[in-house]
N, C-alpha and C. Protein backbone atom coordinates (compact mmCIF):
# COMPACT_ATOMS: atom_id res chain seq x y z
N MET A 1 96.66 99.95 86.18
CA MET A 1 98.07 100.01 86.69
C MET A 1 98.29 100.07 88.59
N ARG A 2 99.05 98.56 88.80
CA ARG A 2 99.20 98.55 89.97
C ARG A 2 101.10 99.17 90.73
N ILE A 3 100.77 99.62 91.43
CA ILE A 3 101.93 100.11 92.21
C ILE A 3 102.36 100.01 93.44
N LEU A 4 103.16 99.26 93.33
CA LEU A 4 103.72 98.97 94.86
C LEU A 4 105.10 99.85 95.02
N PHE A 5 104.84 99.56 96.91
CA PHE A 5 106.13 100.13 97.17
C PHE A 5 106.67 99.32 98.10
N GLN A 6 107.70 99.01 98.39
CA GLN A 6 108.10 97.91 99.08
C GLN A 6 109.60 98.69 99.75
N GLY A 7 109.79 98.61 101.07
CA GLY A 7 110.96 98.76 102.10
C GLY A 7 111.20 98.46 103.30
N ASP A 8 111.45 99.34 104.08
CA ASP A 8 111.69 99.21 105.69
C ASP A 8 110.60 100.74 106.56
N SER A 9 111.13 101.04 107.41
CA SER A 9 109.97 101.80 108.07
C SER A 9 109.58 102.59 107.43
N ILE A 10 110.83 103.44 106.42
CA ILE A 10 110.41 104.58 106.24
C ILE A 10 109.41 104.44 104.95
N THR A 11 109.13 103.45 104.61
CA THR A 11 108.35 103.03 103.53
C THR A 11 106.86 102.53 104.17
N ASP A 12 107.21 102.06 105.22
CA ASP A 12 105.76 101.29 106.33
C ASP A 12 105.00 102.45 106.92
N ALA A 13 105.81 103.40 107.35
CA ALA A 13 105.21 104.60 107.66
C ALA A 13 103.74 104.16 108.73
N LEU A 14 104.00 103.37 109.16
CA LEU A 14 102.53 102.95 110.20
C LEU A 14 101.46 102.31 109.48
N ARG A 15 101.69 101.87 108.37
CA ARG A 15 100.48 101.36 107.66
C ARG A 15 99.78 100.25 108.10
N SER A 16 98.44 100.26 107.82
CA SER A 16 97.88 99.10 108.23
C SER A 16 98.22 97.80 107.90
N ARG A 17 97.90 96.70 108.23
CA ARG A 17 98.27 95.43 107.85
C ARG A 17 97.07 94.86 107.34
N GLU A 18 95.90 95.08 108.00
CA GLU A 18 94.24 94.89 107.96
C GLU A 18 94.11 95.37 106.64
N ASN A 19 94.60 96.63 106.29
CA ASN A 19 93.27 97.51 105.51
C ASN A 19 94.13 98.35 104.40
N ASP A 20 94.19 97.76 103.09
CA ASP A 20 95.19 97.89 102.15
C ASP A 20 94.88 99.69 102.10
N THR A 21 94.12 100.24 102.16
CA THR A 21 93.73 101.83 101.82
C THR A 21 94.40 102.62 102.88
N ASN A 22 94.89 101.85 104.14
CA ASN A 22 95.20 102.86 105.37
C ASN A 22 96.83 102.71 105.18
N PHE A 23 97.52 103.58 104.13
CA PHE A 23 98.96 103.42 103.71
C PHE A 23 99.84 104.39 104.58
N GLY A 24 99.53 104.48 105.86
CA GLY A 24 100.50 105.40 106.82
C GLY A 24 100.67 106.54 106.74
N THR A 25 101.65 106.67 107.17
CA THR A 25 101.91 108.76 106.85
C THR A 25 102.99 108.93 106.12
N GLY A 26 103.41 108.15 105.08
CA GLY A 26 104.81 108.96 104.56
C GLY A 26 104.85 109.44 103.00
N TYR A 27 105.77 108.68 102.39
CA TYR A 27 105.81 109.44 100.95
C TYR A 27 104.95 108.58 100.32
N ALA A 28 104.84 107.31 100.43
CA ALA A 28 103.70 106.40 99.53
C ALA A 28 102.45 106.90 99.86
N LEU A 29 101.75 107.75 101.01
CA LEU A 29 100.59 108.37 100.90
C LEU A 29 100.69 109.50 100.09
N LEU A 30 101.57 110.00 100.21
CA LEU A 30 101.94 111.73 99.63
C LEU A 30 101.84 110.92 97.90
N VAL A 31 102.38 109.89 97.35
CA VAL A 31 102.66 109.59 96.03
C VAL A 31 100.76 109.29 95.60
N LYS A 32 100.64 108.36 96.48
CA LYS A 32 98.98 108.00 96.09
C LYS A 32 98.22 109.12 96.29
N ALA A 33 98.09 110.03 97.01
CA ALA A 33 97.28 111.08 96.76
C ALA A 33 97.79 112.07 95.65
N SER A 34 98.75 112.38 95.14
CA SER A 34 99.26 113.08 94.16
C SER A 34 98.45 112.36 92.83
N LEU A 35 98.92 110.96 92.61
CA LEU A 35 98.55 110.42 91.41
C LEU A 35 97.01 110.28 91.42
N GLY A 36 96.57 109.74 92.59
CA GLY A 36 95.20 109.56 92.67
C GLY A 36 94.19 110.64 92.39
N PHE A 37 94.71 111.80 92.62
CA PHE A 37 94.35 112.95 92.60
C PHE A 37 94.09 113.01 90.76
N GLU A 38 95.18 113.41 90.65
CA GLU A 38 95.43 113.81 89.14
C GLU A 38 94.62 112.80 88.06
N GLU A 39 94.78 111.39 88.64
CA GLU A 39 94.04 110.34 87.76
C GLU A 39 93.13 109.77 88.36
N PRO A 40 91.88 109.86 88.97
CA PRO A 40 91.11 109.12 89.79
C PRO A 40 90.80 107.62 88.53
N GLY A 41 90.74 106.81 89.73
CA GLY A 41 90.65 105.28 89.11
C GLY A 41 91.98 104.41 88.31
N LYS A 42 92.94 105.53 88.06
CA LYS A 42 93.99 104.76 86.72
C LYS A 42 94.78 103.99 87.53
N TYR A 43 94.79 104.22 89.03
CA TYR A 43 96.14 103.45 89.56
C TYR A 43 95.68 102.74 90.84
N GLU A 44 96.25 101.04 91.27
CA GLU A 44 96.03 100.76 92.39
C GLU A 44 97.29 100.67 93.17
N PHE A 45 97.15 101.33 94.49
CA PHE A 45 98.53 101.40 95.19
C PHE A 45 98.54 100.10 96.39
N LEU A 46 99.67 99.65 96.34
CA LEU A 46 99.70 98.43 97.35
C LEU A 46 101.17 99.09 98.33
N ASN A 47 101.27 99.27 99.54
CA ASN A 47 102.08 99.55 100.37
C ASN A 47 102.59 98.23 101.25
N ARG A 48 103.68 97.82 100.85
CA ARG A 48 104.13 96.53 101.83
C ARG A 48 105.38 96.68 102.54
N GLY A 49 105.85 98.02 102.84
CA GLY A 49 106.93 98.35 103.60
C GLY A 49 106.81 97.92 104.40
N VAL A 50 107.98 97.14 105.33
CA VAL A 50 108.01 96.71 106.84
C VAL A 50 109.26 97.17 108.04
N SER A 51 108.69 97.47 108.88
CA SER A 51 109.36 98.20 109.63
C SER A 51 110.46 97.20 110.19
N GLY A 52 112.13 98.00 110.13
CA GLY A 52 112.73 96.87 110.65
C GLY A 52 113.92 96.07 109.76
N ASN A 53 112.95 96.11 108.61
CA ASN A 53 113.42 95.34 107.38
C ASN A 53 114.87 95.69 106.62
N ARG A 54 115.70 94.28 106.95
CA ARG A 54 116.90 94.66 105.94
C ARG A 54 116.92 93.97 104.51
N ILE A 55 117.95 94.22 103.48
CA ILE A 55 117.52 93.29 102.28
C ILE A 55 117.32 92.12 102.50
N VAL A 56 118.01 91.15 103.19
CA VAL A 56 117.69 89.66 103.55
C VAL A 56 116.05 89.57 103.97
N ASN A 57 115.41 90.33 104.82
CA ASN A 57 114.24 90.14 105.00
C ASN A 57 113.29 90.31 103.93
N LEU A 58 113.61 91.45 102.99
CA LEU A 58 112.75 91.54 101.56
C LEU A 58 112.68 90.79 100.87
N TYR A 59 114.23 90.20 100.68
CA TYR A 59 114.26 88.67 99.93
C TYR A 59 113.08 87.53 100.71
N ALA A 60 113.32 87.36 102.00
CA ALA A 60 112.61 86.50 102.20
C ALA A 60 111.09 86.39 101.98
N ARG A 61 110.52 87.85 101.87
CA ARG A 61 109.20 87.85 101.87
C ARG A 61 108.84 87.99 100.36
N MET A 62 110.06 87.84 99.44
CA MET A 62 109.39 88.56 98.07
C MET A 62 108.41 87.91 97.25
N LYS A 63 108.24 86.49 97.88
CA LYS A 63 107.28 86.06 96.84
C LYS A 63 105.96 86.31 97.18
N CYS A 64 105.77 86.25 98.42
CA CYS A 64 104.12 86.78 99.07
C CYS A 64 104.04 88.31 99.10
N ASP A 65 104.94 89.15 99.35
CA ASP A 65 105.18 90.80 98.94
C ASP A 65 105.31 91.15 97.66
N ILE A 66 105.66 90.42 96.62
CA ILE A 66 105.99 91.08 95.11
C ILE A 66 105.46 89.91 94.00
N LEU A 67 105.80 89.21 94.43
CA LEU A 67 105.61 88.21 92.79
C LEU A 67 104.18 87.49 92.96
N ASN A 68 103.15 87.42 94.12
CA ASN A 68 102.10 87.36 94.18
C ASN A 68 101.22 88.75 93.74
N LEU A 69 101.51 89.95 94.04
CA LEU A 69 100.73 90.63 93.97
C LEU A 69 100.94 91.43 92.49
N LYS A 70 101.64 90.80 91.74
CA LYS A 70 102.11 91.65 90.00
C LYS A 70 101.79 92.31 89.61
N PRO A 71 103.07 93.47 90.49
CA PRO A 71 102.79 94.71 90.07
C PRO A 71 102.96 95.24 88.84
N ASP A 72 102.90 96.39 88.31
CA ASP A 72 103.10 96.74 86.95
C ASP A 72 104.54 97.88 87.31
N VAL A 73 104.53 98.33 88.30
CA VAL A 73 105.41 99.51 88.70
C VAL A 73 105.59 99.39 90.37
N MET A 74 107.00 99.26 91.01
CA MET A 74 107.76 98.98 91.83
C MET A 74 108.58 99.72 92.33
N SER A 75 108.26 100.43 93.10
CA SER A 75 109.77 101.21 94.07
C SER A 75 109.89 100.48 95.28
N ILE A 76 111.71 100.42 95.88
CA ILE A 76 112.06 99.57 96.82
C ILE A 76 112.80 100.83 97.20
N LEU A 77 113.26 101.19 98.69
CA LEU A 77 113.93 101.79 99.52
C LEU A 77 114.09 100.97 100.48
N ILE A 78 115.43 100.60 100.50
CA ILE A 78 116.23 99.89 101.38
C ILE A 78 117.47 99.93 101.97
N GLY A 79 118.38 99.41 102.94
CA GLY A 79 119.21 99.62 103.25
C GLY A 79 119.79 100.14 104.90
N VAL A 80 118.99 101.26 105.01
CA VAL A 80 119.30 101.91 106.55
C VAL A 80 119.37 100.60 107.63
N ASN A 81 118.54 99.72 107.78
CA ASN A 81 118.14 98.88 108.66
C ASN A 81 119.87 97.97 108.46
N ASP A 82 120.13 97.99 107.14
CA ASP A 82 121.52 96.60 107.15
C ASP A 82 122.71 97.55 107.79
N VAL A 83 122.85 98.86 107.80
CA VAL A 83 123.91 99.39 108.90
C VAL A 83 123.45 99.76 110.22
N PHE A 84 122.29 99.99 110.76
CA PHE A 84 121.85 100.21 111.85
C PHE A 84 122.05 99.21 112.68
N HIS A 85 121.32 97.69 112.02
CA HIS A 85 121.00 97.04 112.94
C HIS A 85 122.52 96.12 113.36
N ASP A 86 123.71 96.68 113.19
CA ASP A 86 124.61 96.33 113.75
C ASP A 86 124.99 97.51 114.80
N PHE A 87 124.63 98.23 115.30
CA PHE A 87 124.23 99.14 116.72
C PHE A 87 123.75 98.48 117.72
N LYS A 88 123.11 97.37 117.19
CA LYS A 88 122.45 96.83 118.38
C LYS A 88 123.31 96.08 119.48
N GLU A 89 122.59 95.50 120.59
CA GLU A 89 123.47 94.59 121.44
C GLU A 89 123.86 93.25 120.65
N SER A 90 122.98 92.93 119.83
CA SER A 90 123.67 91.61 119.32
C SER A 90 123.57 92.13 117.93
N PRO A 91 124.60 92.35 117.53
CA PRO A 91 124.54 93.20 115.82
C PRO A 91 124.09 92.05 114.97
N ASN A 92 123.29 92.79 113.90
CA ASN A 92 122.77 91.75 112.86
C ASN A 92 122.31 92.46 111.68
N GLY A 93 123.55 93.33 110.98
CA GLY A 93 123.58 93.91 109.93
C GLY A 93 123.95 93.40 108.72
N VAL A 94 123.80 93.80 107.56
CA VAL A 94 124.07 93.09 106.57
C VAL A 94 125.42 93.89 106.05
N ASP A 95 126.21 93.64 105.56
CA ASP A 95 127.45 94.32 105.03
C ASP A 95 127.20 94.39 103.50
N ALA A 96 127.77 95.47 103.36
CA ALA A 96 128.00 96.13 101.77
C ALA A 96 127.74 95.22 100.73
N GLU A 97 128.96 93.95 100.67
CA GLU A 97 129.16 93.13 99.77
C GLU A 97 127.68 92.19 99.58
N LYS A 98 127.15 91.63 100.77
CA LYS A 98 126.35 90.83 100.97
C LYS A 98 125.25 91.55 100.70
N PHE A 99 124.87 92.74 100.98
CA PHE A 99 123.85 93.54 100.48
C PHE A 99 123.76 93.74 99.05
N TYR A 100 124.43 93.75 98.39
CA TYR A 100 124.64 93.86 97.07
C TYR A 100 124.30 92.86 96.52
N LYS A 101 124.87 91.25 97.05
CA LYS A 101 124.74 90.19 96.29
C LYS A 101 123.16 89.95 96.37
N ILE A 102 122.41 90.21 97.74
CA ILE A 102 120.98 89.65 97.92
C ILE A 102 120.30 90.57 96.95
N TYR A 103 120.64 91.64 97.07
CA TYR A 103 119.85 92.94 96.36
C TYR A 103 119.85 92.21 94.71
N ASP A 104 120.87 92.13 94.38
CA ASP A 104 120.92 91.23 93.05
C ASP A 104 120.34 89.97 92.54
N MET A 105 120.16 89.28 94.11
CA MET A 105 119.38 88.12 93.65
C MET A 105 117.90 88.42 93.63
N LEU A 106 117.27 88.95 94.48
CA LEU A 106 116.24 89.77 94.25
C LEU A 106 115.73 90.28 93.39
N ILE A 107 116.31 91.31 92.69
CA ILE A 107 115.93 91.73 91.30
C ILE A 107 115.95 91.14 90.23
N THR A 108 117.14 89.93 90.30
CA THR A 108 117.00 88.92 88.80
C THR A 108 116.07 88.10 89.24
N GLU A 109 115.55 87.60 90.50
CA GLU A 109 114.26 87.22 90.61
C GLU A 109 112.98 87.33 90.23
N VAL A 110 113.23 88.71 90.58
CA VAL A 110 111.48 89.52 89.95
C VAL A 110 111.52 89.35 88.60
N LYS A 111 112.91 90.13 87.94
CA LYS A 111 112.59 90.42 86.67
C LYS A 111 112.04 88.93 85.85
N GLU A 112 112.83 87.83 85.89
CA GLU A 112 112.57 86.64 85.57
C GLU A 112 111.14 85.92 85.68
N ALA A 113 110.63 86.52 86.91
CA ALA A 113 109.23 86.13 87.14
C ALA A 113 108.07 87.07 86.79
N LEU A 114 108.68 88.72 86.85
CA LEU A 114 107.52 89.53 86.33
C LEU A 114 108.49 90.57 85.30
N PRO A 115 108.71 89.83 83.82
CA PRO A 115 109.40 90.57 83.30
C PRO A 115 108.94 92.06 82.58
N ASP A 116 107.86 91.98 82.65
CA ASP A 116 107.01 93.50 82.56
C ASP A 116 107.31 94.91 83.62
N LEU A 117 107.44 94.36 84.73
CA LEU A 117 107.45 95.00 85.71
C LEU A 117 108.56 96.03 85.70
N LYS A 118 108.40 97.41 85.82
CA LYS A 118 109.31 98.58 86.05
C LYS A 118 109.52 98.85 87.53
N ILE A 119 110.53 98.84 87.59
CA ILE A 119 111.61 98.86 89.18
C ILE A 119 112.22 100.53 89.54
N MET A 120 111.81 101.10 90.34
CA MET A 120 112.51 102.10 90.73
C MET A 120 113.53 101.67 92.16
N ILE A 121 114.77 102.20 91.76
CA ILE A 121 115.40 101.98 93.25
C ILE A 121 115.90 103.25 93.87
N LEU A 122 115.30 103.35 95.20
CA LEU A 122 115.74 104.50 96.08
C LEU A 122 116.77 104.46 96.74
N GLU A 123 117.50 105.50 96.73
CA GLU A 123 118.55 105.77 97.34
C GLU A 123 118.52 105.64 98.94
N PRO A 124 118.94 104.81 99.57
CA PRO A 124 118.88 105.10 101.03
C PRO A 124 120.12 105.92 101.98
N PHE A 125 119.42 106.95 102.68
CA PHE A 125 120.08 108.29 103.17
C PHE A 125 119.97 108.20 104.69
N VAL A 126 120.96 108.92 105.41
CA VAL A 126 121.12 109.37 106.57
C VAL A 126 121.20 110.99 106.89
N LEU A 127 120.92 111.47 107.99
CA LEU A 127 121.74 112.85 108.38
C LEU A 127 122.01 112.42 109.81
N GLN A 128 122.94 113.28 110.28
CA GLN A 128 122.94 113.01 111.77
C GLN A 128 121.81 113.48 112.77
N SER A 129 121.67 114.75 112.75
CA SER A 129 120.08 114.96 113.59
C SER A 129 120.26 114.20 114.90
N GLY A 130 121.37 114.91 115.52
CA GLY A 130 121.78 114.69 117.06
C GLY A 130 122.42 113.23 116.98
N MET A 131 122.60 112.82 116.37
CA MET A 131 123.14 111.28 116.67
C MET A 131 124.59 111.60 117.35
N PRO A 132 125.12 110.54 118.08
CA PRO A 132 126.47 110.79 118.71
C PRO A 132 127.56 110.71 117.60
N GLU A 133 128.65 111.30 117.71
CA GLU A 133 129.63 111.59 116.67
C GLU A 133 129.91 110.49 116.11
N GLU A 134 130.19 109.61 116.92
CA GLU A 134 131.19 108.44 116.77
C GLU A 134 130.17 107.48 115.89
N GLN A 135 128.81 107.20 116.48
CA GLN A 135 127.93 106.26 115.57
C GLN A 135 127.40 107.12 114.00
N TRP A 136 127.21 108.68 114.40
CA TRP A 136 127.71 109.46 112.49
C TRP A 136 128.51 108.71 111.91
N LYS A 137 129.83 108.91 112.36
CA LYS A 137 130.66 108.32 111.51
C LYS A 137 130.55 107.33 110.54
N ILE A 138 130.12 106.48 111.42
CA ILE A 138 130.20 104.79 111.18
C ILE A 138 129.03 105.35 110.42
N ALA A 139 127.60 105.29 110.54
CA ALA A 139 126.44 105.62 110.03
C ALA A 139 126.60 106.00 108.53
N ASP A 140 127.24 107.36 108.43
CA ASP A 140 127.53 107.71 107.28
C ASP A 140 128.20 107.09 106.08
N SER A 141 129.40 107.03 106.55
CA SER A 141 129.77 105.92 106.05
C SER A 141 129.51 104.58 105.09
N GLU A 142 128.93 103.88 106.37
CA GLU A 142 128.04 102.95 105.60
C GLU A 142 126.87 102.54 104.85
N VAL A 143 126.36 103.66 105.19
CA VAL A 143 124.98 103.44 104.45
C VAL A 143 125.10 104.40 103.36
N ARG A 144 126.43 105.07 103.17
CA ARG A 144 126.78 105.65 101.32
C ARG A 144 127.24 104.41 100.97
N LYS A 145 127.65 103.56 101.37
CA LYS A 145 128.46 102.20 100.73
C LYS A 145 126.81 101.20 100.42
N ARG A 146 125.83 101.36 101.08
CA ARG A 146 124.62 100.44 100.70
C ARG A 146 124.15 101.38 99.37
N ALA A 147 124.15 102.66 100.01
CA ALA A 147 123.25 103.76 98.31
C ALA A 147 124.34 103.42 97.13
N GLU A 148 125.81 103.03 97.39
CA GLU A 148 126.64 102.73 96.24
C GLU A 148 125.98 101.82 95.61
N MET A 149 125.59 100.23 96.21
CA MET A 149 125.35 99.30 96.02
C MET A 149 123.97 99.40 95.46
N ALA A 150 123.21 99.94 95.92
CA ALA A 150 121.91 100.36 95.33
C ALA A 150 121.91 100.82 94.05
N LYS A 151 122.64 101.82 93.87
CA LYS A 151 123.13 102.36 92.47
C LYS A 151 123.65 101.45 91.40
N LYS A 152 124.46 100.41 91.81
CA LYS A 152 124.84 99.49 90.89
C LYS A 152 123.97 98.66 90.55
N ILE A 153 123.28 98.13 91.52
CA ILE A 153 122.26 97.16 91.26
C ILE A 153 121.27 97.63 89.91
N ALA A 154 121.00 99.43 89.99
CA ALA A 154 120.31 99.60 89.44
C ALA A 154 120.47 99.85 87.89
N GLU A 155 122.05 100.12 88.32
CA GLU A 155 122.90 100.40 86.48
C GLU A 155 122.80 98.75 86.20
N LYS A 156 123.21 98.20 86.88
CA LYS A 156 123.22 96.60 86.32
C LYS A 156 122.08 95.76 85.41
N HIS A 157 121.02 96.33 86.21
CA HIS A 157 119.61 96.03 85.91
C HIS A 157 119.25 96.61 84.85
N GLN A 158 119.62 97.81 84.76
CA GLN A 158 119.01 99.06 83.73
C GLN A 158 117.54 99.32 84.46
N LEU A 159 117.49 99.41 85.64
CA LEU A 159 116.38 99.92 86.08
C LEU A 159 116.40 101.62 86.65
N THR A 160 115.68 102.41 87.11
CA THR A 160 115.49 103.68 87.25
C THR A 160 116.51 103.93 88.69
N PHE A 161 117.10 104.50 88.66
CA PHE A 161 117.69 104.98 90.17
C PHE A 161 117.46 106.36 90.68
N VAL A 162 116.74 106.58 91.77
CA VAL A 162 116.29 107.64 92.34
C VAL A 162 117.58 108.08 93.22
N PRO A 163 118.29 109.36 93.12
CA PRO A 163 119.21 109.88 94.39
C PRO A 163 118.33 110.33 95.41
N LEU A 164 118.38 110.38 96.92
CA LEU A 164 118.09 110.89 97.84
C LEU A 164 118.86 111.91 99.01
N GLN A 165 119.99 110.93 99.06
CA GLN A 165 121.32 111.48 99.77
C GLN A 165 121.55 112.89 99.69
N ASP A 166 122.21 113.34 98.74
CA ASP A 166 122.66 114.39 98.47
C ASP A 166 121.60 115.71 98.40
N GLY A 167 119.96 115.43 98.15
CA GLY A 167 119.05 115.96 98.27
C GLY A 167 118.95 116.63 99.84
N PHE A 168 118.65 115.47 100.32
CA PHE A 168 118.88 115.90 102.15
C PHE A 168 119.84 116.72 102.34
N CYS A 169 120.76 116.38 102.50
CA CYS A 169 122.43 117.22 102.50
C CYS A 169 121.98 118.49 102.15
N GLU A 170 121.20 118.96 101.18
CA GLU A 170 121.38 120.54 100.67
C GLU A 170 119.89 121.02 101.37
N LEU A 171 118.95 120.19 101.76
CA LEU A 171 117.92 120.44 102.12
C LEU A 171 118.11 121.16 103.82
N ALA A 172 118.85 120.27 104.44
CA ALA A 172 119.43 120.24 105.51
C ALA A 172 120.36 121.75 105.94
N LYS A 173 120.79 121.76 104.89
CA LYS A 173 121.26 123.60 104.88
C LYS A 173 120.19 124.90 105.42
N ASN A 174 118.77 124.46 104.95
CA ASN A 174 117.99 125.33 105.55
C ASN A 174 116.72 124.75 106.27
N GLY A 175 116.88 124.96 107.84
CA GLY A 175 116.00 124.20 108.79
C GLY A 175 116.95 123.20 109.50
N GLY A 176 118.00 122.64 109.19
CA GLY A 176 118.85 121.71 109.96
C GLY A 176 118.34 120.24 109.50
N ASP A 177 119.24 119.24 110.38
CA ASP A 177 119.23 118.03 109.87
C ASP A 177 117.41 117.52 110.20
N SER A 178 117.56 117.91 111.76
CA SER A 178 116.05 117.27 112.08
C SER A 178 115.38 117.69 111.75
N TYR A 179 114.88 118.88 111.14
CA TYR A 179 113.84 119.42 110.31
C TYR A 179 113.18 118.69 109.24
N TRP A 180 114.30 117.94 108.48
CA TRP A 180 113.86 116.84 107.58
C TRP A 180 113.89 115.48 108.18
N ILE A 181 114.89 115.03 109.05
CA ILE A 181 114.89 113.38 109.53
C ILE A 181 114.86 113.60 110.59
N GLY A 182 113.84 113.54 111.20
CA GLY A 182 113.83 113.61 112.82
C GLY A 182 114.79 113.12 113.75
N ASP A 183 115.34 111.72 113.20
CA ASP A 183 116.24 110.97 114.58
C ASP A 183 117.31 110.78 113.31
N GLY A 184 117.51 111.38 112.26
CA GLY A 184 118.56 110.46 111.53
C GLY A 184 118.22 109.66 110.65
N VAL A 185 117.16 108.74 110.37
CA VAL A 185 117.11 107.88 109.84
C VAL A 185 115.22 108.11 109.09
N HIS A 186 114.38 108.41 110.16
CA HIS A 186 113.17 108.49 109.70
C HIS A 186 112.64 110.20 109.18
N PRO A 187 112.28 110.24 107.91
CA PRO A 187 111.73 111.43 107.69
C PRO A 187 110.63 112.48 108.03
N THR A 188 110.84 113.55 108.54
CA THR A 188 109.72 114.30 108.72
C THR A 188 108.74 114.25 107.83
N THR A 189 107.34 115.11 107.86
CA THR A 189 106.40 115.17 106.67
C THR A 189 107.37 115.98 105.93
N MET A 190 108.07 116.87 106.05
CA MET A 190 108.63 117.42 105.22
C MET A 190 109.62 116.78 104.33
N GLY A 191 110.51 116.09 104.99
CA GLY A 191 111.00 114.83 104.27
C GLY A 191 110.59 113.90 103.46
N HIS A 192 109.44 113.27 103.85
CA HIS A 192 108.74 112.48 102.90
C HIS A 192 108.25 113.10 101.88
N GLU A 193 107.90 114.57 101.74
CA GLU A 193 107.43 115.48 100.73
C GLU A 193 108.47 115.05 100.10
N TYR A 194 109.90 115.35 100.30
CA TYR A 194 110.98 115.71 99.40
C TYR A 194 110.87 114.11 98.41
N ILE A 195 111.24 112.97 99.24
CA ILE A 195 110.84 111.88 98.83
C ILE A 195 109.59 111.85 97.69
N LYS A 196 108.62 111.88 98.55
CA LYS A 196 107.28 112.14 97.31
C LYS A 196 107.90 112.92 95.80
N ASN A 197 108.74 114.08 95.94
CA ASN A 197 108.75 114.66 94.65
C ASN A 197 109.80 114.08 93.74
N GLU A 198 110.71 113.66 94.41
CA GLU A 198 111.85 113.02 93.84
C GLU A 198 110.96 111.47 92.88
N TRP A 199 110.27 110.60 93.93
CA TRP A 199 109.59 109.65 93.38
C TRP A 199 108.56 109.82 92.14
N LEU A 200 108.11 111.19 92.45
CA LEU A 200 107.21 111.40 91.28
C LEU A 200 107.67 111.85 89.78
N LYS A 201 109.25 112.47 89.65
CA LYS A 201 110.06 112.56 88.96
C LYS A 201 110.30 111.46 87.97
N ALA A 202 110.63 110.57 89.07
CA ALA A 202 111.46 109.23 88.29
C ALA A 202 110.32 108.80 87.59
N PHE A 203 109.08 108.66 88.41
CA PHE A 203 107.61 107.89 87.43
C PHE A 203 107.70 108.18 86.52
N LYS A 204 107.58 109.73 86.18
CA LYS A 204 107.00 110.07 85.03
C LYS A 204 108.25 109.94 84.06
N GLU A 205 109.27 109.88 84.32
CA GLU A 205 110.23 109.32 83.13
C GLU A 205 110.41 107.67 82.96
N LEU A 206 109.69 106.82 83.31
CA LEU A 206 109.72 105.23 83.21
C LEU A 206 108.71 105.31 82.10
């Protein structure tokens, strides 16, 4: 069974581009370790997360990084950069409606090409973690809009949706935001462990 992890830097987590066995340091590595330990040889794991990606970038590389790989199971975690790229000097985010439209196109075309593929949609998330108050208000509101759209995509296409935002908010009550997500976007090791746990729960229900 071939399992593909897709997304942005949270999935990328400093993975190697030259060596598929170097999975980076994030939740994808932790999932690989857990499943690979439980059932040696049953799974093949591929990480194709790309730091900085928005939904439009993922759509653009769909053929080489999804269709050509022919996975049996794929998870997608995307949406934070669609918001945070609007905080740059030259804003280049993707608004919520366009995020939905492109995500819908992506899933529709992937399902047409790989009808037996099982897909898990992970919810994008954010915590304040020292972020300036004004930026935080925008980030929290806008990431939640992308999360809502991701959930709608899962519902429309009858895919597994993996909630993460509320869980991170609950975890932050013990240890604080930065204990779980160091800069508001990128999880710490403990935050990645939480994502791994939620990923595995959903996977076992597929």
